[in-house]
Amino acid sequence: MIQELKIVLKKTYSTSFISGDGQVVKIDFTDGICYEIVPGFINKDGESYTYPDTHNGGSWKTTNPRAEIREINNKNDAWNKNLKRLCRMARAWKDKWDVPIGGLLIDTLAYNFMKNWAYKDKSYIYYDWMSRDFFEFLKNQDSDKDYWLAPGSDQRVYRKGAFEYKALRCYNISLEAIEAEKKYPHTAKSKWREIYGTKFPN
């Protein structure tokens, strides 16, 4: 099913890069926007979905994205829109550093971090500290831990690989960027671009 979906999407988006990976088909558009598409069937409860997973010989799994979306939206509103912005920033980091981490795990870890972050309701001027503290949170995760529980649904979200070392490297770069911000703003901007790529604003 994943491959069939990939073929169908390729007919519509022939100039975009399309790849299939385990549970999703990913479309990278030339403007930098990326979509991860998961084919699925809604279950009789009207909330959960059954979807294909090609890992380990292939199987069908169940997910409850509506509960997750509600929880993310509620907390994003309560936390001054910072949760979704952090999730987008983490995706830019994932793309720049080729981090083996899925979108749902990014959302889950960002949610877990923001719950206890002291400045979660502050404005964007705190985003340098948010980046630094989030990378510190990521680098300190248990490297032997296989899964986390998604917000709202408590479904298991498994890791794809090790992300802790790349988080450590970017934590160190963020320290350098913050140190340079007052006296050397151009250097600071370059450091942030080392982390987030060209998606970091000019």
C-alpha atoms as a PDB file:
ATOM      1  CA  MET A   1       0.000   0.000   0.000  1.00  0.00           C
ATOM      2  CA  ILE A   2       2.839   2.388   0.809  1.00  0.00           C
ATOM      3  CA  GLN A   3       4.384   1.804  -2.619  1.00  0.00           C
ATOM      4  CA  GLU A   4       1.014   2.125  -4.380  1.00  0.00           C
ATOM      5  CA  LEU A   5       0.423   5.459  -2.639  1.00  0.00           C
ATOM      6  CA  LYS A   6       3.901   6.604  -3.663  1.00  0.00           C
ATOM      7  CA  ILE A   7       3.165   5.754  -7.323  1.00  0.00           C
ATOM      8  CA  VAL A   8      -0.180   7.606  -7.282  1.00  0.00           C
ATOM      9  CA  LEU A   9       1.313  10.722  -5.675  1.00  0.00           C
ATOM     10  CA  LYS A  10       4.184  10.710  -8.159  1.00  0.00           C
ATOM     11  CA  LYS A  11       1.680  11.155 -10.981  1.00  0.00           C
ATOM     12  CA  THR A  12       0.308  14.327  -9.355  1.00  0.00           C
ATOM     13  CA  TYR A  13       3.556  15.717  -7.942  1.00  0.00           C
ATOM     14  CA  SER A  14       5.963  14.661 -10.664  1.00  0.00           C
ATOM     15  CA  THR A  15       8.452  17.472  -9.985  1.00  0.00           C
ATOM     16  CA  SER A  16       8.658  16.855  -6.224  1.00  0.00           C
ATOM     17  CA  PHE A  17      10.873  14.370  -4.388  1.00  0.00           C
ATOM     18  CA  ILE A  18       8.769  11.501  -3.036  1.00  0.00           C
ATOM     19  CA  SER A  19      10.021   8.678  -0.826  1.00  0.00           C
ATOM     20  CA  GLY A  20       8.409   5.826   1.112  1.00  0.00           C
ATOM     21  CA  ASP A  21       9.648   4.900   4.568  1.00  0.00           C
ATOM     22  CA  GLY A  22       8.003   2.324   6.800  1.00  0.00           C
ATOM     23  CA  GLN A  23       4.703   3.980   7.642  1.00  0.00           C
ATOM     24  CA  VAL A  24       4.740   7.171   5.581  1.00  0.00           C
ATOM     25  CA  VAL A  25       5.166   8.583   2.112  1.00  0.00           C
ATOM     26  CA  LYS A  26       7.145  11.818   2.281  1.00  0.00           C
ATOM     27  CA  ILE A  27       6.786  14.627  -0.257  1.00  0.00           C
ATOM     28  CA  ASP A  28       9.457  17.345  -0.339  1.00  0.00           C
ATOM     29  CA  PHE A  29       8.321  20.419  -2.276  1.00  0.00           C
ATOM     30  CA  THR A  30      10.758  22.851  -3.860  1.00  0.00           C
ATOM     31  CA  ASP A  31       9.680  25.657  -1.486  1.00  0.00           C
ATOM     32  CA  GLY A  32      10.974  23.684   1.498  1.00  0.00           C
ATOM     33  CA  ILE A  33       7.570  22.454   2.686  1.00  0.00           C
ATOM     34  CA  CYS A  34       7.441  18.740   3.511  1.00  0.00           C
ATOM     35  CA  TYR A  35       4.428  16.469   4.016  1.00  0.00           C
ATOM     36  CA  GLU A  36       4.400  12.993   5.556  1.00  0.00           C
ATOM     37  CA  ILE A  37       1.342  11.056   4.366  1.00  0.00           C
ATOM     38  CA  VAL A  38       0.096   7.951   6.164  1.00  0.00           C
ATOM     39  CA  PRO A  39      -2.611   5.892   4.416  1.00  0.00           C
ATOM     40  CA  GLY A  40      -5.183   4.573   6.853  1.00  0.00           C
ATOM     41  CA  PHE A  41      -8.727   3.346   7.453  1.00  0.00           C
ATOM     42  CA  ILE A  42     -10.989   4.826  10.129  1.00  0.00           C
ATOM     43  CA  ASN A  43     -12.250   2.283  12.652  1.00  0.00           C
ATOM     44  CA  LYS A  44     -15.802   1.801  13.927  1.00  0.00           C
ATOM     45  CA  ASP A  45     -15.153   3.919  17.032  1.00  0.00           C
ATOM     46  CA  GLY A  46     -14.882   6.955  14.768  1.00  0.00           C
ATOM     47  CA  GLU A  47     -11.635   8.026  16.453  1.00  0.00           C
ATOM     48  CA  SER A  48      -8.852   5.562  15.714  1.00  0.00           C
ATOM     49  CA  TYR A  49      -7.320   4.423  12.415  1.00  0.00           C
ATOM     50  CA  THR A  50      -5.685   1.250  11.159  1.00  0.00           C
ATOM     51  CA  TYR A  51      -2.586   1.810   9.023  1.00  0.00           C
ATOM     52  CA  PRO A  52       0.130  -0.298   7.344  1.00  0.00           C
ATOM     53  CA  ASP A  53       3.668  -0.602   8.676  1.00  0.00           C
ATOM     54  CA  THR A  54       6.278  -2.147   6.352  1.00  0.00           C
ATOM     55  CA  HIS A  55       8.846  -2.816   9.087  1.00  0.00           C
ATOM     56  CA  ASN A  56       9.681  -6.386  10.137  1.00  0.00           C
ATOM     57  CA  GLY A  57       7.838  -8.063   7.303  1.00  0.00           C
ATOM     58  CA  GLY A  58       4.795  -5.795   7.396  1.00  0.00           C
ATOM     59  CA  SER A  59       1.822  -5.492   9.736  1.00  0.00           C
ATOM     60  CA  TRP A  60      -1.281  -3.436  10.484  1.00  0.00           C
ATOM     61  CA  LYS A  61      -1.264  -1.064  13.441  1.00  0.00           C
ATOM     62  CA  THR A  62      -3.768   1.230  15.150  1.00  0.00           C
ATOM     63  CA  THR A  63      -3.340   4.905  15.897  1.00  0.00           C
ATOM     64  CA  ASN A  64      -5.505   7.638  17.432  1.00  0.00           C
ATOM     65  CA  PRO A  65      -4.319  10.910  15.869  1.00  0.00           C
ATOM     66  CA  ARG A  66      -7.441  12.878  16.771  1.00  0.00           C
ATOM     67  CA  ALA A  67      -6.726  12.575  20.496  1.00  0.00           C
ATOM     68  CA  GLU A  68      -3.116  13.553  19.846  1.00  0.00           C
ATOM     69  CA  ILE A  69      -4.125  16.543  17.707  1.00  0.00           C
ATOM     70  CA  ARG A  70      -6.553  17.764  20.388  1.00  0.00           C
ATOM     71  CA  GLU A  71      -3.916  17.556  23.109  1.00  0.00           C
ATOM     72  CA  ILE A  72      -1.230  19.245  20.993  1.00  0.00           C
ATOM     73  CA  ASN A  73      -3.646  22.027  19.975  1.00  0.00           C
ATOM     74  CA  ASN A  74      -4.834  22.590  23.547  1.00  0.00           C
ATOM     75  CA  LYS A  75      -1.313  22.831  24.938  1.00  0.00           C
ATOM     76  CA  ASN A  76      -0.105  24.910  22.001  1.00  0.00           C
ATOM     77  CA  ASP A  77      -2.821  27.482  22.793  1.00  0.00           C
ATOM     78  CA  ALA A  78      -2.004  27.371  26.515  1.00  0.00           C
ATOM     79  CA  TRP A  79       1.727  27.773  25.838  1.00  0.00           C
ATOM     80  CA  ASN A  80       1.563  30.881  23.607  1.00  0.00           C
ATOM     81  CA  LYS A  81       1.797  28.872  20.334  1.00  0.00           C
ATOM     82  CA  ASN A  82       5.335  27.790  21.259  1.00  0.00           C
ATOM     83  CA  LEU A  83       4.775  24.030  21.086  1.00  0.00           C
ATOM     84  CA  LYS A  84       4.059  23.861  17.349  1.00  0.00           C
ATOM     85  CA  ARG A  85       6.829  26.322  16.608  1.00  0.00           C
ATOM     86  CA  LEU A  86       9.297  24.145  18.509  1.00  0.00           C
ATOM     87  CA  CYS A  87       8.058  21.098  16.567  1.00  0.00           C
ATOM     88  CA  ARG A  88       8.714  22.909  13.279  1.00  0.00           C
ATOM     89  CA  MET A  89      12.156  24.007  14.461  1.00  0.00           C
ATOM     90  CA  ALA A  90      12.972  20.426  15.446  1.00  0.00           C
ATOM     91  CA  ARG A  91      11.940  19.228  11.984  1.00  0.00           C
ATOM     92  CA  ALA A  92      14.301  21.760  10.407  1.00  0.00           C
ATOM     93  CA  TRP A  93      17.067  20.386  12.646  1.00  0.00           C
ATOM     94  CA  LYS A  94      16.119  16.836  11.660  1.00  0.00           C
ATOM     95  CA  ASP A  95      16.431  17.697   7.961  1.00  0.00           C
ATOM     96  CA  LYS A  96      19.677  19.640   8.332  1.00  0.00           C
ATOM     97  CA  TRP A  97      21.415  16.985  10.460  1.00  0.00           C
ATOM     98  CA  ASP A  98      19.721  13.906   8.969  1.00  0.00           C
ATOM     99  CA  VAL A  99      18.501  12.875  12.415  1.00  0.00           C
ATOM    100  CA  PRO A 100      16.830   9.425  12.520  1.00  0.00           C
ATOM    101  CA  ILE A 101      13.673  10.575  14.289  1.00  0.00           C
ATOM    102  CA  GLY A 102      10.049  10.507  13.180  1.00  0.00           C
ATOM    103  CA  GLY A 103       7.600  13.393  13.233  1.00  0.00           C
ATOM    104  CA  LEU A 104       5.402  11.931  15.979  1.00  0.00           C
ATOM    105  CA  LEU A 105       8.415  11.335  18.205  1.00  0.00           C
ATOM    106  CA  ILE A 106       9.501  14.942  17.640  1.00  0.00           C
ATOM    107  CA  ASP A 107       6.037  16.113  18.707  1.00  0.00           C
ATOM    108  CA  THR A 108       6.065  13.802  21.730  1.00  0.00           C
ATOM    109  CA  LEU A 109       9.499  14.880  22.939  1.00  0.00           C
ATOM    110  CA  ALA A 110       8.733  18.560  22.328  1.00  0.00           C
ATOM    111  CA  TYR A 111       5.510  18.162  24.337  1.00  0.00           C
ATOM    112  CA  ASN A 112       7.343  16.433  27.194  1.00  0.00           C
ATOM    113  CA  PHE A 113       9.995  19.154  27.216  1.00  0.00           C
ATOM    114  CA  MET A 114       7.556  22.059  27.114  1.00  0.00           C
ATOM    115  CA  LYS A 115       5.497  20.697  30.012  1.00  0.00           C
ATOM    116  CA  ASN A 116       8.294  21.544  32.436  1.00  0.00           C
ATOM    117  CA  TRP A 117      10.032  24.416  30.625  1.00  0.00           C
ATOM    118  CA  ALA A 118       9.888  27.582  32.731  1.00  0.00           C
ATOM    119  CA  TYR A 119       9.404  29.952  29.773  1.00  0.00           C
ATOM    120  CA  LYS A 120       6.816  28.035  27.752  1.00  0.00           C
ATOM    121  CA  ASP A 121       4.375  30.955  27.773  1.00  0.00           C
ATOM    122  CA  LYS A 122       6.925  33.619  26.749  1.00  0.00           C
ATOM    123  CA  SER A 123       7.468  35.239  23.344  1.00  0.00           C
ATOM    124  CA  TYR A 124       9.829  34.358  20.493  1.00  0.00           C
ATOM    125  CA  ILE A 125      12.677  36.316  22.138  1.00  0.00           C
ATOM    126  CA  TYR A 126      13.194  33.254  24.311  1.00  0.00           C
ATOM    127  CA  TYR A 127      13.686  30.916  21.315  1.00  0.00           C
ATOM    128  CA  ASP A 128      17.460  30.894  21.693  1.00  0.00           C
ATOM    129  CA  TRP A 129      17.052  29.531  25.208  1.00  0.00           C
ATOM    130  CA  MET A 130      14.268  27.226  24.031  1.00  0.00           C
ATOM    131  CA  SER A 131      16.599  25.726  21.409  1.00  0.00           C
ATOM    132  CA  ARG A 132      19.433  25.352  23.899  1.00  0.00           C
ATOM    133  CA  ASP A 133      17.243  23.779  26.577  1.00  0.00           C
ATOM    134  CA  PHE A 134      15.461  21.469  24.137  1.00  0.00           C
ATOM    135  CA  PHE A 135      18.740  20.114  22.818  1.00  0.00           C
ATOM    136  CA  GLU A 136      19.881  19.609  26.401  1.00  0.00           C
ATOM    137  CA  PHE A 137      16.637  17.714  27.052  1.00  0.00           C
ATOM    138  CA  LEU A 138      17.186  15.543  23.955  1.00  0.00           C
ATOM    139  CA  LYS A 139      20.834  14.758  24.668  1.00  0.00           C
ATOM    140  CA  ASN A 140      19.910  13.599  28.168  1.00  0.00           C
ATOM    141  CA  GLN A 141      17.317  11.063  27.010  1.00  0.00           C
ATOM    142  CA  ASP A 142      18.001   7.427  27.915  1.00  0.00           C
ATOM    143  CA  SER A 143      19.715   5.964  24.848  1.00  0.00           C
ATOM    144  CA  ASP A 144      18.418   2.501  25.824  1.00  0.00           C
ATOM    145  CA  LYS A 145      14.797   3.644  25.807  1.00  0.00           C
ATOM    146  CA  ASP A 146      12.887   2.212  22.839  1.00  0.00           C
ATOM    147  CA  TYR A 147       9.640   4.193  22.963  1.00  0.00           C
ATOM    148  CA  TRP A 148       7.749   7.125  24.479  1.00  0.00           C
ATOM    149  CA  LEU A 149       3.990   7.644  24.948  1.00  0.00           C
ATOM    150  CA  ALA A 150       2.300  10.059  22.559  1.00  0.00           C
ATOM    151  CA  PRO A 151       0.347  12.924  24.156  1.00  0.00           C
ATOM    152  CA  GLY A 152      -3.402  12.438  24.127  1.00  0.00           C
ATOM    153  CA  SER A 153      -3.440   8.819  22.964  1.00  0.00           C
ATOM    154  CA  ASP A 154      -0.643   7.218  25.021  1.00  0.00           C
ATOM    155  CA  GLN A 155       0.255   5.068  22.032  1.00  0.00           C
ATOM    156  CA  ARG A 156       3.843   3.900  21.864  1.00  0.00           C
ATOM    157  CA  VAL A 157       6.113   5.998  19.649  1.00  0.00           C
ATOM    158  CA  TYR A 158       9.295   4.077  18.826  1.00  0.00           C
ATOM    159  CA  ARG A 159      12.677   5.554  18.062  1.00  0.00           C
ATOM    160  CA  LYS A 160      14.187   5.027  14.612  1.00  0.00           C
ATOM    161  CA  GLY A 161      17.764   5.414  15.784  1.00  0.00           C
ATOM    162  CA  ALA A 162      20.072   7.365  18.066  1.00  0.00           C
ATOM    163  CA  PHE A 163      19.483  11.120  18.132  1.00  0.00           C
ATOM    164  CA  GLU A 164      21.208  11.969  21.419  1.00  0.00           C
ATOM    165  CA  TYR A 165      24.710  12.602  20.039  1.00  0.00           C
ATOM    166  CA  LYS A 166      23.503  14.999  17.333  1.00  0.00           C
ATOM    167  CA  ALA A 167      21.447  16.781  19.988  1.00  0.00           C
ATOM    168  CA  LEU A 168      24.606  17.101  22.104  1.00  0.00           C
ATOM    169  CA  ARG A 169      26.513  18.634  19.202  1.00  0.00           C
ATOM    170  CA  CYS A 170      23.751  21.147  18.549  1.00  0.00           C
ATOM    171  CA  TYR A 171      23.461  21.930  22.244  1.00  0.00           C
ATOM    172  CA  ASN A 172      27.121  22.959  22.169  1.00  0.00           C
ATOM    173  CA  ILE A 173      26.592  25.035  19.010  1.00  0.00           C
ATOM    174  CA  SER A 174      23.611  26.748  20.638  1.00  0.00           C
ATOM    175  CA  LEU A 175      25.806  27.741  23.585  1.00  0.00           C
ATOM    176  CA  GLU A 176      28.244  29.335  21.139  1.00  0.00           C
ATOM    177  CA  ALA A 177      25.394  31.125  19.328  1.00  0.00           C
ATOM    178  CA  ILE A 178      23.960  32.553  22.540  1.00  0.00           C
ATOM    179  CA  GLU A 179      27.409  33.677  23.679  1.00  0.00           C
ATOM    180  CA  ALA A 180      27.957  35.492  20.372  1.00  0.00           C
ATOM    181  CA  GLU A 181      24.542  37.164  20.142  1.00  0.00           C
ATOM    182  CA  LYS A 182      25.415  40.468  21.847  1.00  0.00           C
ATOM    183  CA  LYS A 183      28.845  41.224  20.387  1.00  0.00           C
ATOM    184  CA  TYR A 184      28.842  39.183  17.193  1.00  0.00           C
ATOM    185  CA  PRO A 185      25.271  38.863  15.856  1.00  0.00           C
ATOM    186  CA  HIS A 186      26.472  37.722  12.416  1.00  0.00           C
ATOM    187  CA  THR A 187      28.428  34.883  14.030  1.00  0.00           C
ATOM    188  CA  ALA A 188      25.406  33.973  16.126  1.00  0.00           C
ATOM    189  CA  LYS A 189      23.212  33.803  13.016  1.00  0.00           C
ATOM    190  CA  SER A 190      25.758  31.539  11.324  1.00  0.00           C
ATOM    191  CA  LYS A 191      25.760  29.250  14.349  1.00  0.00           C
ATOM    192  CA  TRP A 192      21.971  28.966  14.346  1.00  0.00           C
ATOM    193  CA  ARG A 193      22.117  28.148  10.640  1.00  0.00           C
ATOM    194  CA  GLU A 194      24.543  25.340  11.454  1.00  0.00           C
ATOM    195  CA  ILE A 195      21.697  23.865  13.476  1.00  0.00           C
ATOM    196  CA  TYR A 196      18.607  24.727  11.440  1.00  0.00           C
ATOM    197  CA  GLY A 197      19.960  25.279   7.940  1.00  0.00           C
ATOM    198  CA  THR A 198      18.704  27.954   5.575  1.00  0.00           C
ATOM    199  CA  LYS A 199      15.256  27.806   7.175  1.00  0.00           C
ATOM    200  CA  PHE A 200      16.719  29.983   9.931  1.00  0.00           C
ATOM    201  CA  PRO A 201      15.662  33.554   9.002  1.00  0.00           C
ATOM    202  CA  ASN A 202      18.095  36.084   7.534  1.00  0.00           C
END
